[in-house]
Amino acid sequence: MIILQYANIILRFLLEICGLIALGYWGFRVGNGYTMKILFGFGIPTFIAMVWGFFGSPNAKIHLSTISHILLETVIFGLPALALYASGHRRLTWYFVTCVIINRLLLLLWKQ
């Protein structure tokens, strides 16, 4: 059981990384001109990573209430899902969302 719990934590980290990659991919596709592609492709994932690091991660500097944390988590993982969908990757969107939901349920079940 311990191995599955560690695997779930690793999955969470991988989902965070995949979410940042999805946002970067979307940013590069949506930006008009080289400067905007760089700004969106690197800027948006960097901003999201900073927000998550300060407020949402397990080692966050600022701890949020449970409801605020759930809202933040919904935004942090919802934006990449929307980015994937807007980029035309419908099936990948559903895989990502399904993995996020299963991962979150297991985090709650195992009190991680």
C-alpha atoms as a PDB file:
ATOM      1  CA  MET A   1       0.000   0.000   0.000  1.00  0.00           C
ATOM      2  CA  ILE A   2       2.847   2.381   0.801  1.00  0.00           C
ATOM      3  CA  ILE A   3       4.208   1.945  -2.724  1.00  0.00           C
ATOM      4  CA  LEU A   4       0.840   2.969  -4.206  1.00  0.00           C
ATOM      5  CA  GLN A   5       0.743   6.027  -1.963  1.00  0.00           C
ATOM      6  CA  TYR A   6       4.200   7.093  -3.102  1.00  0.00           C
ATOM      7  CA  ALA A   7       3.186   6.420  -6.705  1.00  0.00           C
ATOM      8  CA  ASN A   8       0.181   8.689  -6.211  1.00  0.00           C
ATOM      9  CA  ILE A   9       2.402  11.504  -4.954  1.00  0.00           C
ATOM     10  CA  ILE A  10       4.695  11.038  -7.947  1.00  0.00           C
ATOM     11  CA  LEU A  11       1.650  11.080 -10.221  1.00  0.00           C
ATOM     12  CA  ARG A  12       0.588  14.383  -8.655  1.00  0.00           C
ATOM     13  CA  PHE A  13       3.967  15.912  -9.444  1.00  0.00           C
ATOM     14  CA  LEU A  14       3.837  14.584 -13.009  1.00  0.00           C
ATOM     15  CA  LEU A  15       0.330  16.028 -13.462  1.00  0.00           C
ATOM     16  CA  GLU A  16       1.629  19.416 -12.300  1.00  0.00           C
ATOM     17  CA  ILE A  17       4.472  19.229 -14.835  1.00  0.00           C
ATOM     18  CA  CYS A  18       2.108  18.084 -17.609  1.00  0.00           C
ATOM     19  CA  GLY A  19      -0.207  20.973 -16.787  1.00  0.00           C
ATOM     20  CA  LEU A  20       2.631  23.481 -17.149  1.00  0.00           C
ATOM     21  CA  ILE A  21       3.680  21.889 -20.443  1.00  0.00           C
ATOM     22  CA  ALA A  22       0.089  22.069 -21.721  1.00  0.00           C
ATOM     23  CA  LEU A  23      -0.114  25.759 -20.819  1.00  0.00           C
ATOM     24  CA  GLY A  24       3.203  26.424 -22.531  1.00  0.00           C
ATOM     25  CA  TYR A  25       2.112  24.542 -25.634  1.00  0.00           C
ATOM     26  CA  TRP A  26      -1.100  26.538 -25.774  1.00  0.00           C
ATOM     27  CA  GLY A  27       0.814  29.779 -25.234  1.00  0.00           C
ATOM     28  CA  PHE A  28       3.137  29.112 -28.142  1.00  0.00           C
ATOM     29  CA  ARG A  29       0.224  28.228 -30.401  1.00  0.00           C
ATOM     30  CA  VAL A  30      -1.982  31.185 -29.522  1.00  0.00           C
ATOM     31  CA  GLY A  31       0.598  33.969 -29.486  1.00  0.00           C
ATOM     32  CA  ASN A  32       0.800  36.236 -32.520  1.00  0.00           C
ATOM     33  CA  GLY A  33       4.388  36.982 -33.406  1.00  0.00           C
ATOM     34  CA  TYR A  34       7.586  35.750 -31.862  1.00  0.00           C
ATOM     35  CA  THR A  35       7.461  38.018 -28.796  1.00  0.00           C
ATOM     36  CA  MET A  36       3.918  37.048 -27.820  1.00  0.00           C
ATOM     37  CA  LYS A  37       4.637  33.353 -28.341  1.00  0.00           C
ATOM     38  CA  ILE A  38       7.610  33.603 -25.976  1.00  0.00           C
ATOM     39  CA  LEU A  39       5.638  35.692 -23.474  1.00  0.00           C
ATOM     40  CA  PHE A  40       2.645  33.333 -23.439  1.00  0.00           C
ATOM     41  CA  GLY A  41       4.646  30.108 -23.874  1.00  0.00           C
ATOM     42  CA  PHE A  42       6.997  30.793 -20.974  1.00  0.00           C
ATOM     43  CA  GLY A  43       5.220  33.508 -18.995  1.00  0.00           C
ATOM     44  CA  ILE A  44       1.914  31.798 -18.285  1.00  0.00           C
ATOM     45  CA  PRO A  45       3.430  28.497 -17.049  1.00  0.00           C
ATOM     46  CA  THR A  46       5.954  30.427 -14.952  1.00  0.00           C
ATOM     47  CA  PHE A  47       3.215  32.524 -13.373  1.00  0.00           C
ATOM     48  CA  ILE A  48       1.060  29.451 -12.650  1.00  0.00           C
ATOM     49  CA  ALA A  49       4.049  27.616 -11.139  1.00  0.00           C
ATOM     50  CA  MET A  50       4.782  30.597  -8.881  1.00  0.00           C
ATOM     51  CA  VAL A  51       1.159  30.852  -7.720  1.00  0.00           C
ATOM     52  CA  TRP A  52       1.067  27.107  -7.028  1.00  0.00           C
ATOM     53  CA  GLY A  53       4.388  27.255  -5.202  1.00  0.00           C
ATOM     54  CA  PHE A  54       3.346  30.129  -2.956  1.00  0.00           C
ATOM     55  CA  PHE A  55      -0.209  29.045  -2.201  1.00  0.00           C
ATOM     56  CA  GLY A  56      -0.996  25.462  -3.234  1.00  0.00           C
ATOM     57  CA  SER A  57       1.981  23.166  -2.942  1.00  0.00           C
ATOM     58  CA  PRO A  58       2.589  21.046   0.167  1.00  0.00           C
ATOM     59  CA  ASN A  59       5.515  23.329   1.101  1.00  0.00           C
ATOM     60  CA  ALA A  60       3.634  26.557   0.356  1.00  0.00           C
ATOM     61  CA  LYS A  61       4.754  29.749   2.048  1.00  0.00           C
ATOM     62  CA  ILE A  62       1.152  30.861   2.582  1.00  0.00           C
ATOM     63  CA  HIS A  63      -1.407  28.283   3.708  1.00  0.00           C
ATOM     64  CA  LEU A  64      -4.952  28.672   2.426  1.00  0.00           C
ATOM     65  CA  SER A  65      -8.202  27.531   3.963  1.00  0.00           C
ATOM     66  CA  THR A  66      -9.558  24.239   2.643  1.00  0.00           C
ATOM     67  CA  ILE A  67     -12.135  25.897   0.396  1.00  0.00           C
ATOM     68  CA  SER A  68      -9.606  28.386  -0.988  1.00  0.00           C
ATOM     69  CA  HIS A  69      -7.154  25.574  -1.639  1.00  0.00           C
ATOM     70  CA  ILE A  70      -9.779  23.550  -3.511  1.00  0.00           C
ATOM     71  CA  LEU A  71     -10.667  26.580  -5.634  1.00  0.00           C
ATOM     72  CA  LEU A  72      -7.008  27.241  -6.386  1.00  0.00           C
ATOM     73  CA  GLU A  73      -6.464  23.594  -7.259  1.00  0.00           C
ATOM     74  CA  THR A  74      -9.456  23.671  -9.594  1.00  0.00           C
ATOM     75  CA  VAL A  75      -8.010  26.679 -11.409  1.00  0.00           C
ATOM     76  CA  ILE A  76      -4.450  25.337 -11.480  1.00  0.00           C
ATOM     77  CA  PHE A  77      -5.527  22.018 -13.012  1.00  0.00           C
ATOM     78  CA  GLY A  78      -8.517  23.386 -14.928  1.00  0.00           C
ATOM     79  CA  LEU A  79      -6.521  25.881 -16.985  1.00  0.00           C
ATOM     80  CA  PRO A  80      -4.296  23.211 -18.567  1.00  0.00           C
ATOM     81  CA  ALA A  81      -7.389  21.150 -19.361  1.00  0.00           C
ATOM     82  CA  LEU A  82      -8.933  24.159 -21.097  1.00  0.00           C
ATOM     83  CA  ALA A  83      -5.650  24.842 -22.890  1.00  0.00           C
ATOM     84  CA  LEU A  84      -5.484  21.275 -24.179  1.00  0.00           C
ATOM     85  CA  TYR A  85      -9.090  21.422 -25.294  1.00  0.00           C
ATOM     86  CA  ALA A  86      -8.584  24.766 -27.038  1.00  0.00           C
ATOM     87  CA  SER A  87      -5.501  23.371 -28.776  1.00  0.00           C
ATOM     88  CA  GLY A  88      -7.613  20.626 -30.319  1.00  0.00           C
ATOM     89  CA  HIS A  89      -6.445  17.756 -28.116  1.00  0.00           C
ATOM     90  CA  ARG A  90      -9.853  16.555 -26.928  1.00  0.00           C
ATOM     91  CA  ARG A  91      -8.830  12.990 -26.027  1.00  0.00           C
ATOM     92  CA  LEU A  92      -5.714  14.152 -24.194  1.00  0.00           C
ATOM     93  CA  THR A  93      -7.891  16.598 -22.262  1.00  0.00           C
ATOM     94  CA  TRP A  94     -10.080  13.762 -21.003  1.00  0.00           C
ATOM     95  CA  TYR A  95      -7.042  11.666 -20.034  1.00  0.00           C
ATOM     96  CA  PHE A  96      -5.584  14.590 -18.109  1.00  0.00           C
ATOM     97  CA  VAL A  97      -8.839  15.432 -16.318  1.00  0.00           C
ATOM     98  CA  THR A  98      -9.483  11.778 -15.457  1.00  0.00           C
ATOM     99  CA  CYS A  99      -5.993  11.378 -13.997  1.00  0.00           C
ATOM    100  CA  VAL A 100      -6.345  14.600 -11.985  1.00  0.00           C
ATOM    101  CA  ILE A 101      -9.699  13.504 -10.525  1.00  0.00           C
ATOM    102  CA  ILE A 102      -8.499   9.989  -9.649  1.00  0.00           C
ATOM    103  CA  ASN A 103      -5.310  11.391  -8.159  1.00  0.00           C
ATOM    104  CA  ARG A 104      -7.220  13.916  -6.045  1.00  0.00           C
ATOM    105  CA  LEU A 105      -9.634  11.263  -4.783  1.00  0.00           C
ATOM    106  CA  LEU A 106      -6.731   9.024  -3.776  1.00  0.00           C
ATOM    107  CA  LEU A 107      -5.035  11.961  -2.044  1.00  0.00           C
ATOM    108  CA  LEU A 108      -8.192  12.479  -0.001  1.00  0.00           C
ATOM    109  CA  LEU A 109      -8.657   8.757   0.674  1.00  0.00           C
ATOM    110  CA  TRP A 110      -5.085   8.291   1.877  1.00  0.00           C
ATOM    111  CA  LYS A 111      -4.943  11.710   3.596  1.00  0.00           C
ATOM    112  CA  GLN A 112      -1.851  12.725   1.696  1.00  0.00           C
END
